[in-house]
All heavy atoms as atom14 arrays in JSON, in Angstrom:
{
  "sequence": "PKDRRLLIFATTTERSVLSQLDLLRRFNASIPVPNVQ",
  "atom14_mask": [
    [1, 1, 1, 1, 1, 1, 1, 0, 0, 0, 0, 0, 0, 0],
    [1, 1, 1, 1, 1, 1, 1, 1, 1, 0, 0, 0, 0, 0],
    [1, 1, 1, 1, 1, 1, 1, 1, 0, 0, 0, 0, 0, 0],
    [1, 1, 1, 1, 1, 1, 1, 1, 1, 1, 1, 0, 0, 0],
    [1, 1, 1, 1, 1, 1, 1, 1, 1, 1, 1, 0, 0, 0],
    [1, 1, 1, 1, 1, 1, 1, 1, 0, 0, 0, 0, 0, 0],
    [1, 1, 1, 1, 1, 1, 1, 1, 0, 0, 0, 0, 0, 0],
    [1, 1, 1, 1, 1, 1, 1, 1, 0, 0, 0, 0, 0, 0],
    [1, 1, 1, 1, 1, 1, 1, 1, 1, 1, 1, 0, 0, 0],
    [1, 1, 1, 1, 1, 0, 0, 0, 0, 0, 0, 0, 0, 0],
    [1, 1, 1, 1, 1, 1, 1, 0, 0, 0, 0, 0, 0, 0],
    [1, 1, 1, 1, 1, 1, 1, 0, 0, 0, 0, 0, 0, 0],
    [1, 1, 1, 1, 1, 1, 1, 0, 0, 0, 0, 0, 0, 0],
    [1, 1, 1, 1, 1, 1, 1, 1, 1, 0, 0, 0, 0, 0],
    [1, 1, 1, 1, 1, 1, 1, 1, 1, 1, 1, 0, 0, 0],
    [1, 1, 1, 1, 1, 1, 0, 0, 0, 0, 0, 0, 0, 0],
    [1, 1, 1, 1, 1, 1, 1, 0, 0, 0, 0, 0, 0, 0],
    [1, 1, 1, 1, 1, 1, 1, 1, 0, 0, 0, 0, 0, 0],
    [1, 1, 1, 1, 1, 1, 0, 0, 0, 0, 0, 0, 0, 0],
    [1, 1, 1, 1, 1, 1, 1, 1, 1, 0, 0, 0, 0, 0],
    [1, 1, 1, 1, 1, 1, 1, 1, 0, 0, 0, 0, 0, 0],
    [1, 1, 1, 1, 1, 1, 1, 1, 0, 0, 0, 0, 0, 0],
    [1, 1, 1, 1, 1, 1, 1, 1, 0, 0, 0, 0, 0, 0],
    [1, 1, 1, 1, 1, 1, 1, 1, 0, 0, 0, 0, 0, 0],
    [1, 1, 1, 1, 1, 1, 1, 1, 1, 1, 1, 0, 0, 0],
    [1, 1, 1, 1, 1, 1, 1, 1, 1, 1, 1, 0, 0, 0],
    [1, 1, 1, 1, 1, 1, 1, 1, 1, 1, 1, 0, 0, 0],
    [1, 1, 1, 1, 1, 1, 1, 1, 0, 0, 0, 0, 0, 0],
    [1, 1, 1, 1, 1, 0, 0, 0, 0, 0, 0, 0, 0, 0],
    [1, 1, 1, 1, 1, 1, 0, 0, 0, 0, 0, 0, 0, 0],
    [1, 1, 1, 1, 1, 1, 1, 1, 0, 0, 0, 0, 0, 0],
    [1, 1, 1, 1, 1, 1, 1, 0, 0, 0, 0, 0, 0, 0],
    [1, 1, 1, 1, 1, 1, 1, 0, 0, 0, 0, 0, 0, 0],
    [1, 1, 1, 1, 1, 1, 1, 0, 0, 0, 0, 0, 0, 0],
    [1, 1, 1, 1, 1, 1, 1, 1, 0, 0, 0, 0, 0, 0],
    [1, 1, 1, 1, 1, 1, 1, 0, 0, 0, 0, 0, 0, 0],
    [1, 1, 1, 1, 1, 1, 1, 1, 1, 0, 0, 0, 0, 0]
  ],
  "atom14_positions": [
    [[-12.17, 37.01, 2.53], [-13.53, 36.47, 2.69], [-13.7, 35.16, 1.93], [-12.86, 34.76, 1.12], [-14.43, 37.57, 2.11], [-13.6, 38.8, 2.11], [-12.18, 38.36, 1.93], [0.0, 0.0, 0.0], [0.0, 0.0, 0.0], [0.0, 0.0, 0.0], [0.0, 0.0, 0.0], [0.0, 0.0, 0.0], [0.0, 0.0, 0.0], [0.0, 0.0, 0.0]],
    [[-14.82, 34.51, 2.18], [-15.12, 33.24, 1.52], [-15.13, 33.4, 0.0], [-15.6, 34.39, -0.54], [-16.49, 32.74, 1.99], [-16.86, 31.37, 1.44], [-18.24, 30.95, 1.93], [-18.63, 29.59, 1.35], [-20.0, 29.21, 1.77], [0.0, 0.0, 0.0], [0.0, 0.0, 0.0], [0.0, 0.0, 0.0], [0.0, 0.0, 0.0], [0.0, 0.0, 0.0]],
    [[-14.55, 32.41, -0.67], [-14.48, 32.38, -2.14], [-13.6, 33.49, -2.7], [-13.73, 33.84, -3.88], [-15.87, 32.45, -2.76], [-16.75, 31.28, -2.36], [-16.19, 30.18, -2.16], [-17.97, 31.46, -2.23], [0.0, 0.0, 0.0], [0.0, 0.0, 0.0], [0.0, 0.0, 0.0], [0.0, 0.0, 0.0], [0.0, 0.0, 0.0], [0.0, 0.0, 0.0]],
    [[-12.74, 34.07, -1.89], [-11.78, 35.06, -2.36], [-10.37, 34.54, -2.07], [-10.13, 33.91, -1.04], [-11.97, 36.41, -1.65], [-13.35, 37.03, -1.88], [-13.51, 37.53, -3.31], [-14.68, 38.34, -3.48], [-15.88, 37.89, -3.8], [-16.06, 36.59, -3.98], [-16.91, 38.7, -3.96], [0.0, 0.0, 0.0], [0.0, 0.0, 0.0], [0.0, 0.0, 0.0]],
    [[-9.42, 34.82, -2.99], [-8.06, 34.33, -2.84], [-7.09, 35.46, -3.11], [-7.28, 36.26, -4.03], [-7.79, 33.15, -3.79], [-8.76, 31.99, -3.54], [-8.52, 30.83, -4.46], [-9.5, 29.77, -4.23], [-9.49, 28.59, -4.83], [-8.55, 28.32, -5.71], [-10.42, 27.69, -4.57], [0.0, 0.0, 0.0], [0.0, 0.0, 0.0], [0.0, 0.0, 0.0]],
    [[-6.04, 35.51, -2.29], [-5.11, 36.64, -2.35], [-3.68, 36.14, -2.26], [-3.34, 35.33, -1.39], [-5.4, 37.61, -1.2], [-4.46, 38.8, -1.04], [-4.48, 39.69, -2.28], [-4.82, 39.61, 0.2], [0.0, 0.0, 0.0], [0.0, 0.0, 0.0], [0.0, 0.0, 0.0], [0.0, 0.0, 0.0], [0.0, 0.0, 0.0], [0.0, 0.0, 0.0]],
    [[-2.85, 36.62, -3.17], [-1.41, 36.36, -3.17], [-0.69, 37.68, -2.99], [-0.98, 38.67, -3.68], [-0.98, 35.69, -4.49], [0.51, 35.45, -4.7], [1.09, 34.56, -3.62], [0.77, 34.85, -6.08], [0.0, 0.0, 0.0], [0.0, 0.0, 0.0], [0.0, 0.0, 0.0], [0.0, 0.0, 0.0], [0.0, 0.0, 0.0], [0.0, 0.0, 0.0]],
    [[0.26, 37.71, -2.03], [1.0, 38.94, -1.73], [2.47, 38.72, -2.05], [3.09, 37.76, -1.56], [0.85, 39.33, -0.25], [-0.63, 39.49, 0.13], [1.61, 40.61, 0.06], [-0.88, 39.62, 1.61], [0.0, 0.0, 0.0], [0.0, 0.0, 0.0], [0.0, 0.0, 0.0], [0.0, 0.0, 0.0], [0.0, 0.0, 0.0], [0.0, 0.0, 0.0]],
    [[3.03, 39.58, -2.89], [4.46, 39.64, -3.13], [4.98, 40.92, -2.5], [4.46, 42.01, -2.78], [4.79, 39.65, -4.63], [4.59, 38.34, -5.32], [3.74, 38.23, -6.42], [5.26, 37.2, -4.91], [3.56, 37.03, -7.07], [5.09, 35.99, -5.55], [4.23, 35.9, -6.63], [0.0, 0.0, 0.0], [0.0, 0.0, 0.0], [0.0, 0.0, 0.0]],
    [[5.99, 40.81, -1.66], [6.61, 41.99, -1.06], [8.11, 41.94, -1.3], [8.7, 40.85, -1.41], [6.31, 42.05, 0.44], [0.0, 0.0, 0.0], [0.0, 0.0, 0.0], [0.0, 0.0, 0.0], [0.0, 0.0, 0.0], [0.0, 0.0, 0.0], [0.0, 0.0, 0.0], [0.0, 0.0, 0.0], [0.0, 0.0, 0.0], [0.0, 0.0, 0.0]],
    [[8.73, 43.09, -1.4], [10.18, 43.16, -1.61], [10.83, 43.96, -0.48], [10.21, 44.87, 0.08], [10.52, 43.83, -2.95], [10.19, 45.22, -2.9], [9.75, 43.18, -4.1], [0.0, 0.0, 0.0], [0.0, 0.0, 0.0], [0.0, 0.0, 0.0], [0.0, 0.0, 0.0], [0.0, 0.0, 0.0], [0.0, 0.0, 0.0], [0.0, 0.0, 0.0]],
    [[12.08, 43.61, -0.18], [12.81, 44.35, 0.86], [14.31, 44.16, 0.68], [14.77, 43.13, 0.16], [12.4, 43.88, 2.27], [13.09, 44.68, 3.24], [12.77, 42.42, 2.5], [0.0, 0.0, 0.0], [0.0, 0.0, 0.0], [0.0, 0.0, 0.0], [0.0, 0.0, 0.0], [0.0, 0.0, 0.0], [0.0, 0.0, 0.0], [0.0, 0.0, 0.0]],
    [[15.05, 45.17, 1.12], [16.51, 45.05, 1.19], [16.96, 44.89, 2.65], [18.16, 44.81, 2.93], [17.17, 46.32, 0.6], [16.72, 47.47, 1.33], [16.81, 46.49, -0.86], [0.0, 0.0, 0.0], [0.0, 0.0, 0.0], [0.0, 0.0, 0.0], [0.0, 0.0, 0.0], [0.0, 0.0, 0.0], [0.0, 0.0, 0.0], [0.0, 0.0, 0.0]],
    [[15.99, 44.87, 3.57], [16.3, 44.82, 5.0], [15.61, 43.6, 5.64], [14.76, 43.73, 6.51], [15.84, 46.11, 5.69], [16.44, 47.37, 5.12], [17.91, 47.54, 5.52], [18.39, 46.74, 6.35], [18.56, 48.45, 4.99], [0.0, 0.0, 0.0], [0.0, 0.0, 0.0], [0.0, 0.0, 0.0], [0.0, 0.0, 0.0], [0.0, 0.0, 0.0]],
    [[16.0, 42.43, 5.22], [15.38, 41.21, 5.75], [15.61, 41.1, 7.26], [14.72, 40.69, 8.01], [15.94, 39.99, 5.04], [15.3, 38.67, 5.44], [15.85, 37.52, 4.59], [15.18, 36.27, 4.9], [15.55, 35.43, 5.86], [16.6, 35.73, 6.62], [14.89, 34.3, 6.07], [0.0, 0.0, 0.0], [0.0, 0.0, 0.0], [0.0, 0.0, 0.0]],
    [[16.78, 41.45, 7.7], [17.08, 41.35, 9.13], [16.21, 42.29, 9.96], [15.8, 41.97, 11.07], [18.56, 41.65, 9.38], [18.88, 42.97, 8.96], [0.0, 0.0, 0.0], [0.0, 0.0, 0.0], [0.0, 0.0, 0.0], [0.0, 0.0, 0.0], [0.0, 0.0, 0.0], [0.0, 0.0, 0.0], [0.0, 0.0, 0.0], [0.0, 0.0, 0.0]],
    [[15.92, 43.47, 9.4], [15.05, 44.42, 10.1], [13.65, 43.84, 10.25], [13.02, 43.92, 11.32], [15.01, 45.76, 9.35], [13.94, 46.67, 9.95], [16.37, 46.43, 9.39], [0.0, 0.0, 0.0], [0.0, 0.0, 0.0], [0.0, 0.0, 0.0], [0.0, 0.0, 0.0], [0.0, 0.0, 0.0], [0.0, 0.0, 0.0], [0.0, 0.0, 0.0]],
    [[13.13, 43.23, 9.19], [11.81, 42.61, 9.24], [11.77, 41.51, 10.29], [10.75, 41.32, 10.98], [11.42, 42.06, 7.87], [10.65, 43.01, 6.94], [11.4, 44.3, 6.69], [10.34, 42.31, 5.63], [0.0, 0.0, 0.0], [0.0, 0.0, 0.0], [0.0, 0.0, 0.0], [0.0, 0.0, 0.0], [0.0, 0.0, 0.0], [0.0, 0.0, 0.0]],
    [[12.89, 40.8, 10.43], [12.96, 39.74, 11.43], [12.92, 40.32, 12.84], [12.23, 39.82, 13.72], [14.22, 38.91, 11.21], [14.34, 37.91, 12.2], [0.0, 0.0, 0.0], [0.0, 0.0, 0.0], [0.0, 0.0, 0.0], [0.0, 0.0, 0.0], [0.0, 0.0, 0.0], [0.0, 0.0, 0.0], [0.0, 0.0, 0.0], [0.0, 0.0, 0.0]],
    [[13.67, 41.41, 13.04], [13.71, 42.04, 14.37], [12.34, 42.6, 14.77], [11.97, 42.57, 15.95], [14.73, 43.18, 14.38], [16.17, 42.75, 14.19], [17.08, 43.94, 14.01], [16.86, 45.01, 14.56], [18.13, 43.76, 13.2], [0.0, 0.0, 0.0], [0.0, 0.0, 0.0], [0.0, 0.0, 0.0], [0.0, 0.0, 0.0], [0.0, 0.0, 0.0]],
    [[11.59, 43.1, 13.78], [10.29, 43.72, 14.07], [9.15, 42.7, 14.01], [7.97, 43.09, 14.01], [10.02, 44.85, 13.08], [11.02, 46.02, 13.13], [10.7, 47.05, 12.06], [11.0, 46.67, 14.51], [0.0, 0.0, 0.0], [0.0, 0.0, 0.0], [0.0, 0.0, 0.0], [0.0, 0.0, 0.0], [0.0, 0.0, 0.0], [0.0, 0.0, 0.0]],
    [[9.47, 41.42, 13.96], [8.47, 40.34, 13.96], [7.54, 40.41, 12.75], [6.38, 40.0, 12.81], [7.64, 40.39, 15.25], [6.87, 39.1, 15.48], [7.39, 38.04, 15.08], [5.75, 39.15, 16.02], [0.0, 0.0, 0.0], [0.0, 0.0, 0.0], [0.0, 0.0, 0.0], [0.0, 0.0, 0.0], [0.0, 0.0, 0.0], [0.0, 0.0, 0.0]],
    [[8.04, 40.94, 11.64], [7.24, 41.0, 10.42], [7.59, 39.86, 9.48], [6.74, 39.43, 8.68], [7.45, 42.35, 9.72], [6.54, 42.67, 8.54], [5.08, 42.67, 8.96], [6.91, 44.03, 7.93], [0.0, 0.0, 0.0], [0.0, 0.0, 0.0], [0.0, 0.0, 0.0], [0.0, 0.0, 0.0], [0.0, 0.0, 0.0], [0.0, 0.0, 0.0]],
    [[8.81, 39.35, 9.58], [9.26, 38.31, 8.66], [8.42, 37.04, 8.77], [8.08, 36.41, 7.77], [10.74, 37.99, 8.92], [11.38, 36.95, 7.99], [11.34, 37.43, 6.54], [12.83, 36.67, 8.41], [0.0, 0.0, 0.0], [0.0, 0.0, 0.0], [0.0, 0.0, 0.0], [0.0, 0.0, 0.0], [0.0, 0.0, 0.0], [0.0, 0.0, 0.0]],
    [[8.04, 36.68, 9.99], [7.29, 35.43, 10.16], [5.85, 35.53, 9.66], [5.14, 34.53, 9.61], [7.31, 35.0, 11.62], [6.51, 35.86, 12.57], [6.63, 35.36, 14.0], [5.77, 36.08, 14.92], [4.51, 35.74, 15.18], [3.98, 34.7, 14.57], [3.8, 36.44, 16.05], [0.0, 0.0, 0.0], [0.0, 0.0, 0.0], [0.0, 0.0, 0.0]],
    [[5.42, 36.73, 9.3], [4.09, 36.89, 8.74], [4.03, 36.39, 7.3], [2.94, 36.21, 6.76], [3.66, 38.37, 8.77], [3.78, 39.01, 10.15], [2.68, 38.59, 11.08], [2.89, 39.11, 12.44], [1.97, 39.12, 13.38], [0.78, 38.63, 13.13], [2.24, 39.59, 14.59], [0.0, 0.0, 0.0], [0.0, 0.0, 0.0], [0.0, 0.0, 0.0]],
    [[5.19, 36.2, 6.69], [5.23, 35.71, 5.31], [5.3, 34.18, 5.31], [5.97, 33.56, 6.14], [6.44, 36.29, 4.57], [6.32, 37.76, 4.29], [6.83, 38.7, 5.19], [5.67, 38.22, 3.15], [6.71, 40.06, 4.95], [5.55, 39.57, 2.9], [6.07, 40.49, 3.79], [0.0, 0.0, 0.0], [0.0, 0.0, 0.0], [0.0, 0.0, 0.0]],
    [[4.6, 33.59, 4.35], [4.6, 32.13, 4.23], [5.88, 31.6, 3.6], [6.26, 30.45, 3.83], [3.41, 31.67, 3.39], [2.08, 32.13, 3.97], [1.36, 32.89, 3.35], [1.76, 31.67, 5.17], [0.0, 0.0, 0.0], [0.0, 0.0, 0.0], [0.0, 0.0, 0.0], [0.0, 0.0, 0.0], [0.0, 0.0, 0.0], [0.0, 0.0, 0.0]],
    [[6.53, 32.41, 2.78], [7.75, 31.96, 2.1], [8.61, 33.17, 1.78], [8.13, 34.31, 1.74], [7.39, 31.2, 0.81], [0.0, 0.0, 0.0], [0.0, 0.0, 0.0], [0.0, 0.0, 0.0], [0.0, 0.0, 0.0], [0.0, 0.0, 0.0], [0.0, 0.0, 0.0], [0.0, 0.0, 0.0], [0.0, 0.0, 0.0], [0.0, 0.0, 0.0]],
    [[9.9, 32.92, 1.58], [10.81, 33.99, 1.18], [11.71, 33.48, 0.06], [12.08, 32.32, 0.02], [11.66, 34.46, 2.37], [12.45, 33.4, 2.86], [0.0, 0.0, 0.0], [0.0, 0.0, 0.0], [0.0, 0.0, 0.0], [0.0, 0.0, 0.0], [0.0, 0.0, 0.0], [0.0, 0.0, 0.0], [0.0, 0.0, 0.0], [0.0, 0.0, 0.0]],
    [[12.01, 34.38, -0.87], [12.84, 34.04, -2.03], [14.01, 35.01, -2.08], [13.8, 36.23, -2.22], [12.03, 34.12, -3.34], [10.81, 33.19, -3.3], [12.92, 33.78, -4.53], [9.91, 33.33, -4.52], [0.0, 0.0, 0.0], [0.0, 0.0, 0.0], [0.0, 0.0, 0.0], [0.0, 0.0, 0.0], [0.0, 0.0, 0.0], [0.0, 0.0, 0.0]],
    [[15.25, 34.53, -1.99], [16.41, 35.43, -2.11], [16.64, 35.82, -3.57], [16.52, 34.98, -4.47], [17.56, 34.6, -1.55], [17.15, 33.18, -1.77], [15.67, 33.14, -1.66], [0.0, 0.0, 0.0], [0.0, 0.0, 0.0], [0.0, 0.0, 0.0], [0.0, 0.0, 0.0], [0.0, 0.0, 0.0], [0.0, 0.0, 0.0], [0.0, 0.0, 0.0]],
    [[16.97, 37.08, -3.79], [17.27, 37.57, -5.14], [18.7, 38.11, -5.1], [18.94, 39.2, -4.58], [16.28, 38.67, -5.58], [16.62, 39.13, -6.99], [14.84, 38.16, -5.5], [0.0, 0.0, 0.0], [0.0, 0.0, 0.0], [0.0, 0.0, 0.0], [0.0, 0.0, 0.0], [0.0, 0.0, 0.0], [0.0, 0.0, 0.0], [0.0, 0.0, 0.0]],
    [[19.69, 37.35, -5.63], [21.1, 37.78, -5.53], [21.48, 38.8, -6.59], [20.74, 39.04, -7.55], [21.85, 36.47, -5.75], [20.96, 35.67, -6.65], [19.55, 36.03, -6.27], [0.0, 0.0, 0.0], [0.0, 0.0, 0.0], [0.0, 0.0, 0.0], [0.0, 0.0, 0.0], [0.0, 0.0, 0.0], [0.0, 0.0, 0.0], [0.0, 0.0, 0.0]],
    [[22.65, 39.4, -6.39], [23.24, 40.3, -7.39], [23.82, 39.49, -8.54], [23.88, 38.26, -8.51], [24.35, 41.13, -6.75], [23.8, 42.31, -5.96], [22.72, 42.81, -6.26], [24.55, 42.76, -4.96], [0.0, 0.0, 0.0], [0.0, 0.0, 0.0], [0.0, 0.0, 0.0], [0.0, 0.0, 0.0], [0.0, 0.0, 0.0], [0.0, 0.0, 0.0]],
    [[24.28, 40.23, -9.56], [25.05, 39.61, -10.63], [26.43, 39.29, -10.05], [27.15, 40.18, -9.59], [25.17, 40.56, -11.84], [26.02, 39.94, -12.94], [23.78, 40.92, -12.37], [0.0, 0.0, 0.0], [0.0, 0.0, 0.0], [0.0, 0.0, 0.0], [0.0, 0.0, 0.0], [0.0, 0.0, 0.0], [0.0, 0.0, 0.0], [0.0, 0.0, 0.0]],
    [[26.82, 38.01, -10.07], [28.01, 37.58, -9.34], [29.23, 37.32, -10.23], [30.35, 37.69, -9.89], [27.69, 36.3, -8.55], [26.6, 36.46, -7.51], [27.02, 37.37, -6.36], [28.21, 37.67, -6.17], [26.06, 37.85, -5.59], [0.0, 0.0, 0.0], [0.0, 0.0, 0.0], [0.0, 0.0, 0.0], [0.0, 0.0, 0.0], [0.0, 0.0, 0.0]]
  ]
}
């Protein structure tokens, strides 16, 4: 609503699944989190 602001952080291990289900494009940005290499 007007004068309200919302930030959403979501986590997943199945990025490809989100892409197949048309959910990935609902996010404005994505950040990869790698393992200890």
